[in-house]
C-alpha atoms as a PDB file:
ATOM      1  CA  ASN A   1     -23.803  -4.690  28.881  1.00  0.00           C
ATOM      2  CA  SER A   2     -24.771  -1.747  26.659  1.00  0.00           C
ATOM      3  CA  THR A   3     -21.152  -0.607  26.530  1.00  0.00           C
ATOM      4  CA  LEU A   4     -20.217  -3.659  24.477  1.00  0.00           C
ATOM      5  CA  MET A   5     -23.174  -3.603  22.103  1.00  0.00           C
ATOM      6  CA  PRO A   6     -21.592  -1.444  19.361  1.00  0.00           C
ATOM      7  CA  PHE A   7     -18.555  -3.733  19.260  1.00  0.00           C
ATOM      8  CA  LEU A   8     -20.794  -6.797  19.157  1.00  0.00           C
ATOM      9  CA  MET A   9     -22.808  -5.316  16.287  1.00  0.00           C
ATOM     10  CA  LEU A  10     -19.659  -4.351  14.457  1.00  0.00           C
ATOM     11  CA  SER A  11     -18.122  -7.798  14.826  1.00  0.00           C
ATOM     12  CA  ILE A  12     -21.255  -9.361  13.328  1.00  0.00           C
ATOM     13  CA  PHE A  13     -21.285  -6.952  10.399  1.00  0.00           C
ATOM     14  CA  CYS A  14     -17.566  -7.125   9.672  1.00  0.00           C
ATOM     15  CA  PRO A  15     -15.688 -10.348   8.868  1.00  0.00           C
ATOM     16  CA  VAL A  16     -12.424  -9.005  10.300  1.00  0.00           C
ATOM     17  CA  LEU A  17     -12.211  -6.865  13.425  1.00  0.00           C
ATOM     18  CA  ARG A  18      -9.037  -5.367  14.876  1.00  0.00           C
ATOM     19  CA  SER A  19      -8.256  -2.849  17.615  1.00  0.00           C
ATOM     20  CA  ASN A  20     -11.305  -0.606  18.121  1.00  0.00           C
ATOM     21  CA  SER A  21     -13.383  -0.533  14.972  1.00  0.00           C
ATOM     22  CA  ILE A  22     -11.532  -1.613  11.833  1.00  0.00           C
ATOM     23  CA  VAL A  23     -13.037  -3.377   8.867  1.00  0.00           C
ATOM     24  CA  GLU A  24     -11.288  -4.820   5.836  1.00  0.00           C
ATOM     25  CA  ARG A  25     -13.433  -4.840   2.705  1.00  0.00           C
ATOM     26  CA  SER A  26     -13.159  -3.781  -0.891  1.00  0.00           C
ATOM     27  CA  SER A  27     -16.452  -2.489  -2.319  1.00  0.00           C
ATOM     28  CA  ALA A  28     -17.910   0.993  -2.058  1.00  0.00           C
ATOM     29  CA  THR A  29     -21.245  -0.560  -1.083  1.00  0.00           C
ATOM     30  CA  ASN A  30     -19.736  -2.167   1.994  1.00  0.00           C
ATOM     31  CA  GLU A  31     -17.994   1.062   2.914  1.00  0.00           C
ATOM     32  CA  SER A  32     -21.236   3.016   2.653  1.00  0.00           C
ATOM     33  CA  ALA A  33     -23.077   0.437   4.758  1.00  0.00           C
ATOM     34  CA  PHE A  34     -20.249   0.482   7.298  1.00  0.00           C
ATOM     35  CA  TYR A  35     -20.494   4.230   7.804  1.00  0.00           C
ATOM     36  CA  GLU A  36     -24.282   4.105   7.936  1.00  0.00           C
ATOM     37  CA  LEU A  37     -23.895   1.671  10.803  1.00  0.00           C
ATOM     38  CA  ILE A  38     -21.482   4.060  12.497  1.00  0.00           C
ATOM     39  CA  ASP A  39     -24.031   6.878  12.245  1.00  0.00           C
ATOM     40  CA  SER A  40     -26.462   4.776  14.254  1.00  0.00           C
ATOM     41  CA  PHE A  41     -24.092   4.515  17.226  1.00  0.00           C
ATOM     42  CA  GLN A  42     -24.480   6.724  20.274  1.00  0.00           C
ATOM     43  CA  LEU A  43     -21.469   7.981  22.185  1.00  0.00           C
ATOM     44  CA  GLU A  44     -23.097   6.884  25.434  1.00  0.00           C
ATOM     45  CA  HIS A  45     -22.189   3.362  24.394  1.00  0.00           C
ATOM     46  CA  PHE A  46     -18.535   4.375  24.598  1.00  0.00           C
ATOM     47  CA  ARG A  47     -18.678   5.700  28.134  1.00  0.00           C
ATOM     48  CA  SER A  48     -16.717   3.895  30.828  1.00  0.00           C
ATOM     49  CA  VAL A  49     -18.840   2.243  33.516  1.00  0.00           C
ATOM     50  CA  ILE A  50     -15.917   2.282  35.956  1.00  0.00           C
ATOM     51  CA  GLU A  51     -14.444   5.729  35.438  1.00  0.00           C
ATOM     52  CA  PRO A  52     -16.340   8.868  34.386  1.00  0.00           C
ATOM     53  CA  GLU A  53     -14.635   9.074  30.991  1.00  0.00           C
ATOM     54  CA  GLN A  54     -16.230   9.597  27.610  1.00  0.00           C
ATOM     55  CA  TYR A  55     -14.358   7.728  24.881  1.00  0.00           C
ATOM     56  CA  TYR A  56     -14.374   8.917  21.285  1.00  0.00           C
ATOM     57  CA  PRO A  57     -13.812   6.119  18.730  1.00  0.00           C
ATOM     58  CA  VAL A  58     -11.954   6.432  15.440  1.00  0.00           C
ATOM     59  CA  PHE A  59     -13.698   4.244  12.878  1.00  0.00           C
ATOM     60  CA  HIS A  60     -11.416   2.871  10.227  1.00  0.00           C
ATOM     61  CA  PHE A  61     -12.392   1.299   6.896  1.00  0.00           C
ATOM     62  CA  ILE A  62      -9.600  -0.525   5.055  1.00  0.00           C
ATOM     63  CA  SER A  63     -10.180  -0.864   1.324  1.00  0.00           C
ATOM     64  CA  GLY A  64      -6.861  -2.697   1.001  1.00  0.00           C
ATOM     65  CA  PHE A  65      -4.543  -3.293  -1.935  1.00  0.00           C
ATOM     66  CA  ARG A  66      -5.198  -2.791  -5.617  1.00  0.00           C
ATOM     67  CA  ASP A  67      -2.904  -3.122  -8.599  1.00  0.00           C
ATOM     68  CA  ALA A  68      -1.641   0.261  -9.804  1.00  0.00           C
ATOM     69  CA  HIS A  69      -3.216  -0.456 -13.210  1.00  0.00           C
ATOM     70  CA  SER A  70      -6.589  -1.559 -11.822  1.00  0.00           C
ATOM     71  CA  THR A  71      -9.479  -0.190  -9.778  1.00  0.00           C
ATOM     72  CA  GLN A  72     -10.371  -3.610  -8.346  1.00  0.00           C
ATOM     73  CA  PHE A  73      -9.398  -4.153  -4.725  1.00  0.00           C
ATOM     74  CA  GLN A  74      -7.974  -7.459  -3.605  1.00  0.00           C
ATOM     75  CA  GLU A  75     -10.191  -9.519  -1.313  1.00  0.00           C
ATOM     76  CA  PHE A  76      -8.687 -10.015   2.116  1.00  0.00           C
ATOM     77  CA  GLU A  77      -8.711 -13.595   3.383  1.00  0.00           C
ATOM     78  CA  LYS A  78      -6.004 -14.649   5.819  1.00  0.00           C
ATOM     79  CA  PHE A  79      -3.522 -12.191   4.339  1.00  0.00           C
ATOM     80  CA  TYR A  80      -2.939  -9.953   1.339  1.00  0.00           C
ATOM     81  CA  LYS A  81      -1.137 -11.534  -1.618  1.00  0.00           C
ATOM     82  CA  LEU A  82       1.398  -9.363  -3.432  1.00  0.00           C
ATOM     83  CA  THR A  83       3.921 -10.057  -6.178  1.00  0.00           C
ATOM     84  CA  GLU A  84       7.486  -8.778  -6.114  1.00  0.00           C
ATOM     85  CA  GLY A  85       8.206  -5.698  -8.164  1.00  0.00           C
ATOM     86  CA  LYS A  86       4.596  -4.800  -8.971  1.00  0.00           C
ATOM     87  CA  GLU A  87       3.177  -1.418  -8.046  1.00  0.00           C
ATOM     88  CA  TYR A  88       0.236  -1.401  -5.639  1.00  0.00           C
ATOM     89  CA  PHE A  89      -1.878   1.226  -3.964  1.00  0.00           C
ATOM     90  CA  PHE A  90      -3.034   0.674  -0.400  1.00  0.00           C
ATOM     91  CA  GLU A  91      -6.169   2.664   0.414  1.00  0.00           C
ATOM     92  CA  THR A  92      -8.038   3.370   3.615  1.00  0.00           C
ATOM     93  CA  SER A  93     -10.391   5.932   5.160  1.00  0.00           C
ATOM     94  CA  ILE A  94     -11.306   7.091   8.653  1.00  0.00           C
ATOM     95  CA  ARG A  95     -14.476   8.527  10.126  1.00  0.00           C
ATOM     96  CA  LEU A  96     -15.177  10.362  13.375  1.00  0.00           C
ATOM     97  CA  PRO A  97     -18.710   9.979  14.770  1.00  0.00           C
ATOM     98  CA  GLU A  98     -21.263  12.705  15.305  1.00  0.00           C
ATOM     99  CA  ILE A  99     -22.085  13.914  18.800  1.00  0.00           C
ATOM    100  CA  LYS A 100     -25.857  13.621  19.257  1.00  0.00           C
ATOM    101  CA  THR A 101     -26.923  16.776  21.116  1.00  0.00           C
ATOM    102  CA  SER A 102     -29.576  19.426  20.605  1.00  0.00           C
ATOM    103  CA  VAL A 103     -27.220  20.847  17.992  1.00  0.00           C
ATOM    104  CA  PRO A 104     -25.482  17.810  16.413  1.00  0.00           C
ATOM    105  CA  LYS A 105     -21.806  18.370  15.728  1.00  0.00           C
ATOM    106  CA  ILE A 106     -18.753  16.416  14.683  1.00  0.00           C
ATOM    107  CA  GLN A 107     -15.405  16.806  16.366  1.00  0.00           C
ATOM    108  CA  GLN A 108     -12.551  17.981  14.157  1.00  0.00           C
ATOM    109  CA  PRO A 109      -9.000  16.649  14.656  1.00  0.00           C
ATOM    110  CA  THR A 110      -6.486  19.114  16.043  1.00  0.00           C
ATOM    111  CA  SER A 111      -3.468  20.254  14.068  1.00  0.00           C
ATOM    112  CA  GLY A 112      -0.851  17.504  14.010  1.00  0.00           C
ATOM    113  CA  SER A 113      -3.306  14.601  14.001  1.00  0.00           C
ATOM    114  CA  GLU A 114      -2.033  11.965  11.595  1.00  0.00           C
ATOM    115  CA  ILE A 115      -2.250   8.455  10.252  1.00  0.00           C
ATOM    116  CA  GLN A 116       0.877   6.339   9.768  1.00  0.00           C
ATOM    117  CA  LEU A 117       1.671   3.387   7.532  1.00  0.00           C
ATOM    118  CA  ARG A 118       4.839   1.408   8.254  1.00  0.00           C
ATOM    119  CA  CYS A 119       6.333  -1.527   6.365  1.00  0.00           C
ATOM    120  CA  TYR A 120       9.465  -3.650   6.676  1.00  0.00           C
ATOM    121  CA  GLU A 121      12.105  -1.884   4.579  1.00  0.00           C
ATOM    122  CA  LYS A 122      13.741  -5.126   3.401  1.00  0.00           C
ATOM    123  CA  ARG A 123      10.446  -6.306   1.891  1.00  0.00           C
ATOM    124  CA  PHE A 124       9.491  -3.105   0.050  1.00  0.00           C
ATOM    125  CA  GLU A 125      11.363  -0.802  -2.312  1.00  0.00           C
ATOM    126  CA  ASN A 126       9.500   2.302  -1.115  1.00  0.00           C
ATOM    127  CA  LYS A 127      10.311   4.213   2.057  1.00  0.00           C
ATOM    128  CA  PRO A 128       9.491   2.291   5.260  1.00  0.00           C
ATOM    129  CA  GLU A 129       7.134   4.874   6.773  1.00  0.00           C
ATOM    130  CA  PHE A 130       4.391   7.156   5.464  1.00  0.00           C
ATOM    131  CA  LYS A 131       2.692   9.911   7.463  1.00  0.00           C
ATOM    132  CA  SER A 132      -0.413  11.805   6.355  1.00  0.00           C
ATOM    133  CA  LEU A 133      -2.221  14.553   8.235  1.00  0.00           C
ATOM    134  CA  VAL A 134      -5.827  14.018   9.294  1.00  0.00           C
ATOM    135  CA  GLY A 135      -7.647  17.321   8.895  1.00  0.00           C
ATOM    136  CA  THR A 136     -11.367  16.504   8.896  1.00  0.00           C
ATOM    137  CA  TYR A 137     -13.864  14.125  10.460  1.00  0.00           C
ATOM    138  CA  TYR A 138     -13.789  12.051   7.242  1.00  0.00           C
ATOM    139  CA  ASP A 139     -10.614  11.540   5.255  1.00  0.00           C
ATOM    140  CA  GLU A 140      -9.269   9.136   2.642  1.00  0.00           C
ATOM    141  CA  PHE A 141      -5.672   8.037   2.183  1.00  0.00           C
ATOM    142  CA  PHE A 142      -3.644   5.977  -0.250  1.00  0.00           C
ATOM    143  CA  TRP A 143       0.018   5.064  -0.545  1.00  0.00           C
ATOM    144  CA  ARG A 144       2.117   3.497  -3.307  1.00  0.00           C
ATOM    145  CA  LEU A 145       3.920   0.277  -2.301  1.00  0.00           C
ATOM    146  CA  VAL A 146       6.321  -1.859  -4.356  1.00  0.00           C
ATOM    147  CA  PRO A 147       7.408  -5.251  -2.915  1.00  0.00           C
ATOM    148  CA  SER A 148      11.137  -5.946  -3.201  1.00  0.00           C
ATOM    149  CA  SER A 149      12.692  -8.745  -5.246  1.00  0.00           C
ATOM    150  CA  LEU A 150      13.078 -12.086  -3.496  1.00  0.00           C
ATOM    151  CA  SER A 151      13.874 -15.692  -4.322  1.00  0.00           C
ATOM    152  CA  GLU A 152      10.973 -17.353  -2.479  1.00  0.00           C
ATOM    153  CA  LYS A 153       7.669 -16.539  -0.801  1.00  0.00           C
ATOM    154  CA  ARG A 154       7.946 -14.396   2.301  1.00  0.00           C
ATOM    155  CA  MET A 155       5.472 -13.269   4.941  1.00  0.00           C
ATOM    156  CA  THR A 156       5.631  -9.752   6.319  1.00  0.00           C
ATOM    157  CA  THR A 157       3.294  -7.149   7.789  1.00  0.00           C
ATOM    158  CA  ILE A 158       2.312  -3.550   7.254  1.00  0.00           C
ATOM    159  CA  SER A 159       1.307  -1.491  10.283  1.00  0.00           C
ATOM    160  CA  LEU A 160      -1.461   1.090  10.266  1.00  0.00           C
ATOM    161  CA  GLU A 161      -1.909   3.496  13.168  1.00  0.00           C
ATOM    162  CA  THR A 162      -3.856   6.677  13.863  1.00  0.00           C
ATOM    163  CA  LYS A 163      -2.682   9.444  16.185  1.00  0.00           C
ATOM    164  CA  ILE A 164      -5.671  11.742  16.431  1.00  0.00           C
ATOM    165  CA  GLU A 165      -6.341  14.348  19.093  1.00  0.00           C
ATOM    166  CA  LEU A 166      -9.418  16.500  19.712  1.00  0.00           C
ATOM    167  CA  SER A 167      -9.582  20.047  21.021  1.00  0.00           C
ATOM    168  CA  ASP A 168     -12.338  19.060  23.465  1.00  0.00           C
ATOM    169  CA  PRO A 169     -10.662  17.704  26.649  1.00  0.00           C
ATOM    170  CA  ASN A 170     -13.855  15.892  27.668  1.00  0.00           C
ATOM    171  CA  PHE A 171     -13.246  13.150  25.102  1.00  0.00           C
ATOM    172  CA  LYS A 172     -10.586  10.455  25.209  1.00  0.00           C
ATOM    173  CA  VAL A 173      -9.794   9.346  21.659  1.00  0.00           C
ATOM    174  CA  LEU A 174      -9.671   5.616  20.910  1.00  0.00           C
ATOM    175  CA  ASN A 175      -7.001   5.564  18.216  1.00  0.00           C
ATOM    176  CA  THR A 176      -6.584   2.483  16.039  1.00  0.00           C
ATOM    177  CA  SER A 177      -3.518   0.302  15.556  1.00  0.00           C
ATOM    178  CA  ILE A 178      -3.318  -2.815  13.403  1.00  0.00           C
ATOM    179  CA  ASP A 179      -0.763  -5.107  11.759  1.00  0.00           C
ATOM    180  CA  LEU A 180      -1.917  -6.539   8.434  1.00  0.00           C
ATOM    181  CA  PRO A 181      -0.265  -9.786   7.224  1.00  0.00           C
ATOM    182  CA  VAL A 182       1.109  -9.764   3.678  1.00  0.00           C
ATOM    183  CA  GLU A 183       2.502 -12.590   1.547  1.00  0.00           C
ATOM    184  CA  ILE A 184       5.001 -11.584  -1.153  1.00  0.00           C
ATOM    185  CA  SER A 185       5.673 -14.034  -4.000  1.00  0.00           C
ATOM    186  CA  PRO A 186       8.506 -13.974  -6.562  1.00  0.00           C
ATOM    187  CA  ASN A 187       7.608 -13.211 -10.171  1.00  0.00           C
ATOM    188  CA  PHE A 188       9.263 -15.635 -12.604  1.00  0.00           C
ATOM    189  CA  ASN A 189       8.397 -13.489 -15.640  1.00  0.00           C
ATOM    190  CA  PHE A 190      10.098 -10.486 -14.081  1.00  0.00           C
ATOM    191  CA  LYS A 191      13.231 -12.478 -13.356  1.00  0.00           C
ATOM    192  CA  VAL A 192      13.428 -13.827 -16.934  1.00  0.00           C
ATOM    193  CA  ALA A 193      12.853 -10.344 -18.361  1.00  0.00           C
ATOM    194  CA  GLU A 194      15.524  -8.864 -16.097  1.00  0.00           C
ATOM    195  CA  VAL A 195      18.070 -11.507 -17.138  1.00  0.00           C
ATOM    196  CA  ILE A 196      17.256 -11.092 -20.845  1.00  0.00           C
ATOM    197  CA  GLY A 197      17.364  -7.307 -20.610  1.00  0.00           C
ATOM    198  CA  ASP A 198      20.619  -7.106 -18.662  1.00  0.00           C
ATOM    199  CA  THR A 199      22.329  -9.796 -20.761  1.00  0.00           C
ATOM    200  CA  SER A 200      21.252  -8.219 -24.060  1.00  0.00           C
ATOM    201  CA  LEU A 201      22.490  -4.776 -23.068  1.00  0.00           C
ATOM    202  CA  LEU A 202      25.751  -6.280 -21.795  1.00  0.00           C
ATOM    203  CA  VAL A 203      26.313  -8.142 -25.081  1.00  0.00           C
ATOM    204  CA  ALA A 204      25.562  -5.022 -27.141  1.00  0.00           C
ATOM    205  CA  THR A 205      27.867  -2.832 -25.050  1.00  0.00           C
ATOM    206  CA  SER A 206      30.646  -5.444 -25.056  1.00  0.00           C
ATOM    207  CA  THR A 207      30.393  -5.766 -28.842  1.00  0.00           C
ATOM    208  CA  ILE A 208      30.814  -2.018 -29.257  1.00  0.00           C
ATOM    209  CA  ALA A 209      33.867  -2.100 -26.996  1.00  0.00           C
ATOM    210  CA  TYR A 210      35.285  -5.047 -28.970  1.00  0.00           C
ATOM    211  CA  LEU A 211      34.837  -3.235 -32.294  1.00  0.00           C
ATOM    212  CA  SER A 212      36.474  -0.085 -30.963  1.00  0.00           C
ATOM    213  CA  PHE A 213      39.416  -2.043 -29.585  1.00  0.00           C
ATOM    214  CA  SER A 214      39.817  -4.051 -32.811  1.00  0.00           C
ATOM    215  CA  LYS A 215      39.665  -0.887 -34.914  1.00  0.00           C
ATOM    216  CA  THR A 216      42.426   0.627 -32.807  1.00  0.00           C
ATOM    217  CA  LEU A 217      44.693  -2.413 -33.209  1.00  0.00           C
ATOM    218  CA  LYS A 218      43.955  -3.057 -36.893  1.00  0.00           C
ATOM    219  CA  PRO A 219      42.567   0.118 -38.489  1.00  0.00           C
ATOM    220  CA  GLN A 220      43.047  -1.274 -42.016  1.00  0.00           C
ATOM    221  CA  VAL A 221      40.922  -4.371 -41.428  1.00  0.00           C
ATOM    222  CA  VAL A 222      37.316  -4.197 -42.658  1.00  0.00           C
ATOM    223  CA  MET A 223      34.989  -5.382 -39.940  1.00  0.00           C
ATOM    224  CA  PRO A 224      32.207  -7.885 -40.769  1.00  0.00           C
ATOM    225  CA  GLU A 225      28.538  -6.878 -40.647  1.00  0.00           C
ATOM    226  CA  TRP A 226      27.409  -9.329 -37.966  1.00  0.00           C
ATOM    227  CA  PRO A 227      28.620  -7.257 -34.958  1.00  0.00           C
ATOM    228  CA  GLY A 228      26.335  -4.451 -36.101  1.00  0.00           C
ATOM    229  CA  TYR A 229      23.342  -6.785 -36.171  1.00  0.00           C
ATOM    230  CA  LEU A 230      24.333  -8.149 -32.761  1.00  0.00           C
ATOM    231  CA  ILE A 231      24.459  -4.642 -31.316  1.00  0.00           C
ATOM    232  CA  ALA A 232      21.072  -3.731 -32.793  1.00  0.00           C
ATOM    233  CA  VAL A 233      19.403  -6.926 -31.570  1.00  0.00           C
ATOM    234  CA  GLY A 234      21.013  -6.607 -28.141  1.00  0.00           C
ATOM    235  CA  TYR A 235      19.790  -3.063 -27.598  1.00  0.00           C
ATOM    236  CA  LEU A 236      16.361  -3.905 -29.013  1.00  0.00           C
ATOM    237  CA  LEU A 237      15.883  -6.860 -26.643  1.00  0.00           C
ATOM    238  CA  GLY A 238      17.243  -4.867 -23.718  1.00  0.00           C
ATOM    239  CA  ILE A 239      14.897  -1.942 -24.317  1.00  0.00           C
ATOM    240  CA  MET A 240      11.915  -4.251 -24.851  1.00  0.00           C
ATOM    241  CA  ALA A 241      12.654  -6.062 -21.590  1.00  0.00           C
ATOM    242  CA  LYS A 242      12.939  -2.791 -19.662  1.00  0.00           C
ATOM    243  CA  PHE A 243       9.689  -1.487 -21.118  1.00  0.00           C
ATOM    244  CA  TYR A 244       7.950  -4.767 -20.265  1.00  0.00           C
ATOM    245  CA  LEU A 245       9.108  -4.478 -16.673  1.00  0.00           C
ATOM    246  CA  ARG A 246       7.976  -0.865 -16.526  1.00  0.00           C
ATOM    247  CA  TRP A 247       4.596  -1.619 -18.122  1.00  0.00           C
ATOM    248  CA  SER A 248       4.059  -4.516 -15.725  1.00  0.00           C
ATOM    249  CA  GLY A 249       4.594  -2.250 -12.741  1.00  0.00           C
ATOM    250  CA  ARG A 250       8.163  -3.213 -11.903  1.00  0.00           C
ATOM    251  CA  GLY A 251       8.942   0.376 -11.002  1.00  0.00           C
ATOM    252  CA  LEU A 252      12.423   0.436 -12.562  1.00  0.00           C
ATOM    253  CA  PHE A 253      12.225   4.120 -13.403  1.00  0.00           C
ATOM    254  CA  LYS A 254      11.477   5.672 -10.045  1.00  0.00           C
ATOM    255  CA  THR A 255      10.273   9.228  -9.708  1.00  0.00           C
END
């Protein structure tokens, strides 16, 4: 059946296939090869043999997750592996195919066409839904995600969906929809740093309060030097811990 051939070819080329035409890979070389393969498809292969409808596929390349401080994308196996509190970028791109006629053209999405990313709000610190407009036949998207703190490994999913419409009524768009599994692991270093930072700042602040209270009760008494050292060390450790968490991508100072 010639109608199934593009999907068969795509499933051979791509290790993971979802919905219509979705591939999960990380390298620019694979992305380029993927879109070259798309250019070889003919829309006749997406015509219904039962009803006189011409389908128009939305091809979707998922680059996946990368650390906010890195350009290297994580390889997708059975699921993506994330660590609590770290900043990640999730990147993807879409491509609309060319219509092979005497004057080749590419359909443009109508105003209001969009791509959506949704995640479980209890598993991520960011907002649970992102929406980005799709304005051209080829577009790239990325979103910042920060997994929430947890005490043990948890599985969750992020959902990716396109809602694209064309101005030409002769084409029925095959939008994509996929749920990607994600494993979130606790970060022991983050937890230790958080405890040290919070405890140090608490000790320093409590010492200042103690000195002020003691000075009020006994203004004539000369206070020893050690509380001053304790305050300095407490604030120093607290600030160092907070900067470590920020540098590691904990996202404590949100913008």
